[in-house]
Amino acid sequence: MNFNEIIKKNRANVKNIIRIIAGEDNEDLEQEVYLKVWKNSDKYKEKGCFKSWVNTIAKNVTRDYLKSSVRKHEQLTVEDDSTFDNLKDSKASPELRLISTDRKKRIMEAINQLKPKFKEVIIYTEIYGYTYEKCSKKLKCPVGTVKSRIYNAKKELAEQLHDLL
């Protein structure tokens, strides 16, 4: 059987397994499933149903994804009270203290609207207070990448929150 046929015959099933386990459609996971099927095709023993073997790979890939740090970073949000308290307002005059709650809420909403890779560096560095190096280790990327993402995230936040600046 050629690989294109394998994909055609199993596409709907793999897609459904990912949707059920992950709660969303995820083309990257689908690709990873087919990649593992291709890489491990020599290990398949014709004792069982090929479709069941592919389904097992799809289940395992999806479960691994849910356990992974990638998924955890994507789900970072800034909605809990401890995060809210950690936001620093550098212009704390009496007038601004009165509106700081609304201001912080708008900032948190803007952060949550950022792309996941920008959101995570802002949360780690600006809210949790990580150094660039610690953030770099946590995200497993170079310090330069962290700096670049922070720059771009702050640029987007400045555009979204221009009336607060």
Protein backbone atom coordinates (compact mmCIF):
# COMPACT_ATOMS: atom_id res chain seq x y z
CA MET A 1 0.00 0.00 0.00
CA ASN A 2 1.39 3.39 -0.86
CA PHE A 3 1.63 6.14 1.72
CA ASN A 4 -0.95 8.44 0.06
CA GLU A 5 -3.51 5.63 0.29
CA ILE A 6 -2.73 5.17 3.98
CA ILE A 7 -3.41 8.86 4.58
CA LYS A 8 -6.64 8.82 2.53
CA LYS A 9 -7.99 5.72 4.26
CA ASN A 10 -7.16 6.91 7.78
CA ARG A 11 -7.59 10.68 7.56
CA ALA A 12 -11.12 10.90 8.98
CA ASN A 13 -10.36 8.47 11.77
CA VAL A 14 -7.13 10.20 12.80
CA LYS A 15 -8.82 13.60 12.67
CA ASN A 16 -11.66 12.35 14.91
CA ILE A 17 -9.30 10.80 17.44
CA ILE A 18 -7.35 14.05 17.72
CA ARG A 19 -10.56 16.08 17.99
CA ILE A 20 -11.96 13.82 20.73
CA ILE A 21 -8.80 13.65 22.83
CA ALA A 22 -7.44 17.18 22.30
CA GLY A 23 -10.80 18.89 21.96
CA GLU A 24 -9.71 20.64 18.77
CA ASP A 25 -8.62 20.03 15.20
CA ASN A 26 -4.85 20.07 14.93
CA GLU A 27 -3.18 19.56 11.56
CA ASP A 28 0.28 19.48 13.14
CA LEU A 29 -0.72 16.45 15.18
CA GLU A 30 -2.16 14.78 12.09
CA GLN A 31 1.15 15.27 10.30
CA GLU A 32 3.04 13.90 13.27
CA VAL A 33 0.82 10.79 13.28
CA TYR A 34 1.51 10.12 9.61
CA LEU A 35 5.20 10.80 10.10
CA LYS A 36 5.34 8.21 12.89
CA VAL A 37 3.37 5.74 10.79
CA TRP A 38 5.85 6.20 7.96
CA LYS A 39 8.94 5.99 10.21
CA ASN A 40 7.65 2.93 12.07
CA SER A 41 6.01 1.09 9.18
CA ASP A 42 8.73 -1.54 9.28
CA LYS A 43 7.78 -2.33 12.89
CA TYR A 44 4.14 -3.06 12.05
CA LYS A 45 3.37 -6.74 12.39
CA GLU A 46 0.50 -7.98 10.27
CA LYS A 47 -1.11 -9.80 13.20
CA GLY A 48 -3.65 -7.06 13.84
CA CYS A 49 -5.63 -4.55 11.86
CA PHE A 50 -3.49 -1.82 10.26
CA LYS A 51 -6.20 0.75 10.98
CA SER A 52 -6.06 -0.10 14.71
CA TRP A 53 -2.30 0.35 14.68
CA VAL A 54 -2.66 3.81 13.10
CA ASN A 55 -5.39 4.69 15.63
CA THR A 56 -3.10 3.72 18.50
CA ILE A 57 -0.37 5.96 17.12
CA ALA A 58 -2.89 8.82 16.79
CA LYS A 59 -4.01 8.35 20.41
CA ASN A 60 -0.45 8.26 21.71
CA VAL A 61 0.68 11.29 19.71
CA THR A 62 -2.31 13.31 20.92
CA ARG A 63 -1.84 12.28 24.55
CA ASP A 64 1.85 13.12 24.37
CA TYR A 65 0.97 16.52 22.95
CA LEU A 66 -1.43 17.21 25.81
CA LYS A 67 1.27 16.32 28.32
CA SER A 68 3.92 18.38 26.55
CA SER A 69 5.21 21.77 27.57
CA VAL A 70 4.13 23.18 24.19
CA ARG A 71 0.49 22.66 25.10
CA LYS A 72 0.99 24.09 28.59
CA HIS A 73 2.59 27.24 27.17
CA GLU A 74 -0.28 27.70 24.73
CA GLN A 75 -2.75 27.62 27.59
CA LEU A 76 -1.04 30.32 29.65
CA THR A 77 -3.51 32.98 30.60
CA VAL A 78 -3.43 36.01 32.84
CA GLU A 79 -6.76 35.77 34.55
CA ASP A 80 -6.04 34.70 38.11
CA ASP A 81 -5.79 37.17 40.99
CA SER A 82 -2.14 36.46 41.77
CA THR A 83 -1.18 37.43 38.23
CA PHE A 84 -3.38 40.49 38.49
CA ASP A 85 -1.56 41.59 41.66
CA ASN A 86 1.85 41.09 40.03
CA LEU A 87 1.21 43.63 37.28
CA LYS A 88 3.23 46.73 38.03
CA ASP A 89 1.81 50.16 37.42
CA SER A 90 4.79 52.48 37.21
CA LYS A 91 2.67 55.66 37.23
CA ALA A 92 0.83 55.16 40.52
CA SER A 93 -0.58 58.61 41.22
CA PRO A 94 -3.78 58.89 43.31
CA GLU A 95 -5.87 59.44 40.17
CA LEU A 96 -4.42 56.42 38.41
CA ARG A 97 -4.88 54.22 41.48
CA LEU A 98 -8.63 54.77 41.12
CA ILE A 99 -8.64 53.46 37.57
CA SER A 100 -5.85 50.88 37.95
CA THR A 101 -8.26 47.95 38.18
CA ASP A 102 -9.78 48.74 34.78
CA ARG A 103 -6.37 49.48 33.38
CA LYS A 104 -4.98 46.14 34.55
CA LYS A 105 -7.97 44.29 33.15
CA ARG A 106 -7.44 45.89 29.73
CA ILE A 107 -3.75 45.00 29.85
CA MET A 108 -4.54 41.39 30.74
CA GLU A 109 -7.09 41.16 27.91
CA ALA A 110 -4.51 42.55 25.49
CA ILE A 111 -1.89 40.04 26.68
CA ASN A 112 -4.35 37.17 26.24
CA GLN A 113 -4.95 38.26 22.64
CA LEU A 114 -1.26 37.99 21.74
CA LYS A 115 0.08 35.09 19.71
CA PRO A 116 1.03 32.22 22.06
CA LYS A 117 4.79 32.64 21.55
CA PHE A 118 4.55 36.35 22.42
CA LYS A 119 2.14 35.82 25.29
CA GLU A 120 4.38 33.30 27.03
CA VAL A 121 7.48 35.54 27.03
CA ILE A 122 5.50 38.51 28.32
CA ILE A 123 3.95 36.43 31.10
CA TYR A 124 7.28 34.93 32.12
CA THR A 125 9.36 38.11 31.99
CA GLU A 126 6.96 40.92 32.84
CA ILE A 127 4.54 39.17 35.19
CA TYR A 128 6.54 36.32 36.77
CA GLY A 129 9.76 38.34 36.68
CA TYR A 130 11.95 35.76 34.91
CA THR A 131 15.26 36.94 33.53
CA TYR A 132 15.77 36.56 29.79
CA GLU A 133 18.12 33.65 30.50
CA LYS A 134 15.64 31.85 32.76
CA CYS A 135 12.86 32.43 30.22
CA SER A 136 15.15 31.12 27.49
CA LYS A 137 15.77 27.90 29.44
CA LYS A 138 12.09 27.49 30.25
CA LEU A 139 11.06 27.87 26.60
CA LYS A 140 14.09 25.99 25.26
CA CYS A 141 15.03 28.72 22.81
CA PRO A 142 17.95 31.18 22.48
CA VAL A 143 18.06 34.37 24.55
CA GLY A 144 18.01 36.38 21.31
CA THR A 145 14.69 34.75 20.40
CA VAL A 146 13.26 35.69 23.81
CA LYS A 147 14.39 39.30 23.32
CA SER A 148 12.93 39.42 19.83
CA ARG A 149 9.60 38.01 21.00
CA ILE A 150 9.44 40.49 23.89
CA TYR A 151 10.12 43.36 21.49
CA ASN A 152 7.39 42.21 19.11
CA ALA A 153 4.94 41.48 21.92
CA LYS A 154 5.46 44.93 23.44
CA LYS A 155 5.04 46.49 20.01
CA GLU A 156 1.68 44.73 19.58
CA LEU A 157 0.61 45.64 23.12
CA ALA A 158 1.53 49.27 22.50
CA GLU A 159 -0.70 49.29 19.41
CA GLN A 160 -3.61 47.67 21.27
CA LEU A 161 -3.23 49.88 24.33
CA HIS A 162 -2.19 53.15 22.69
CA ASP A 163 -4.86 55.09 24.56
CA LEU A 164 -3.43 53.96 27.92
CA LEU A 165 0.11 55.11 27.12
